[in-house]
Amino acid sequence: MTKAEIKQLEILRAKTPEQRFAMMADLMGAQFDAMRSGIRFQNPGIADIEVEKRLHERMIQGYKCRKDWYFKI
């Protein structure tokens, strides 16, 4: 490991679980925003609801989720 990687690990270990979860949520939000931008770029003038539908379809493909994964408890 490089010194920079070791320093990053030290910083992450010093964070609380809540802080690490918030970081993960921010990164996932940025990923989804980038995916939405890509969908809009590929489909100019697309409606917001269609963007969300296509995003969901990409998530299913990319993460190998089932269509009803969000209903599971």
Protein backbone atom coordinates (compact mmCIF):
# COMPACT_ATOMS: atom_id res chain seq x y z
CA MET A 1 0.00 0.00 0.00
CA THR A 2 1.12 3.52 -0.68
CA LYS A 3 1.44 6.12 2.05
CA ALA A 4 -1.59 7.92 0.61
CA GLU A 5 -3.70 4.75 0.79
CA ILE A 6 -2.60 4.11 4.37
CA LYS A 7 -3.53 7.69 5.29
CA GLN A 8 -6.96 7.29 3.64
CA LEU A 9 -7.59 4.14 5.67
CA GLU A 10 -6.58 5.92 8.88
CA ILE A 11 -9.00 8.74 8.09
CA LEU A 12 -11.84 6.30 7.35
CA ARG A 13 -11.19 4.31 10.52
CA ALA A 14 -11.44 7.50 12.56
CA LYS A 15 -14.95 8.18 11.24
CA THR A 16 -18.08 6.95 12.96
CA PRO A 17 -20.29 4.38 11.22
CA GLU A 18 -22.81 7.17 10.59
CA GLN A 19 -20.15 9.28 8.87
CA ARG A 20 -19.04 6.34 6.72
CA PHE A 21 -22.65 5.61 5.78
CA ALA A 22 -23.17 9.28 4.83
CA MET A 23 -20.06 9.14 2.63
CA MET A 24 -21.34 6.01 0.91
CA ALA A 25 -24.78 7.56 0.37
CA ASP A 26 -23.18 10.68 -1.16
CA LEU A 27 -21.08 8.56 -3.51
CA MET A 28 -24.09 6.51 -4.60
CA GLY A 29 -26.11 9.69 -5.13
CA ALA A 30 -23.35 11.07 -7.34
CA GLN A 31 -23.27 7.78 -9.27
CA PHE A 32 -27.02 7.92 -9.88
CA ASP A 33 -26.82 11.58 -10.93
CA ALA A 34 -24.12 10.67 -13.45
CA MET A 35 -26.28 7.84 -14.77
CA ARG A 36 -29.27 10.21 -15.09
CA SER A 37 -27.10 12.70 -16.99
CA GLY A 38 -25.98 9.95 -19.35
CA ILE A 39 -29.58 8.90 -19.99
CA ARG A 40 -30.57 12.51 -20.71
CA PHE A 41 -27.55 12.95 -23.00
CA GLN A 42 -28.49 9.83 -24.96
CA ASN A 43 -32.19 10.82 -25.07
CA PRO A 44 -32.60 14.61 -25.45
CA GLY A 45 -36.01 15.87 -24.33
CA ILE A 46 -36.86 12.75 -22.33
CA ALA A 47 -39.39 13.19 -19.52
CA ASP A 48 -38.20 12.94 -15.92
CA ILE A 49 -40.39 9.90 -15.24
CA GLU A 50 -38.85 8.10 -18.23
CA VAL A 51 -35.35 8.97 -16.97
CA GLU A 52 -36.17 7.36 -13.62
CA LYS A 53 -37.64 4.31 -15.34
CA ARG A 54 -34.51 3.85 -17.46
CA LEU A 55 -32.29 4.46 -14.43
CA HIS A 56 -34.14 1.71 -12.57
CA GLU A 57 -33.72 -0.63 -15.56
CA ARG A 58 -29.97 0.10 -15.64
CA MET A 59 -29.72 -0.53 -11.91
CA ILE A 60 -31.43 -3.89 -12.36
CA GLN A 61 -28.99 -4.78 -15.14
CA GLY A 62 -25.91 -3.40 -13.42
CA TYR A 63 -26.56 -4.71 -9.95
CA LYS A 64 -28.33 -7.90 -11.03
CA CYS A 65 -31.32 -7.00 -8.85
CA ARG A 66 -34.75 -8.44 -9.33
CA LYS A 67 -37.52 -6.05 -10.35
CA ASP A 68 -39.24 -6.48 -6.96
CA TRP A 69 -36.08 -6.14 -4.82
CA TYR A 70 -37.36 -3.03 -3.07
CA PHE A 71 -40.46 -4.83 -1.80
CA LYS A 72 -38.50 -7.49 0.05
CA ILE A 73 -38.22 -7.28 3.83
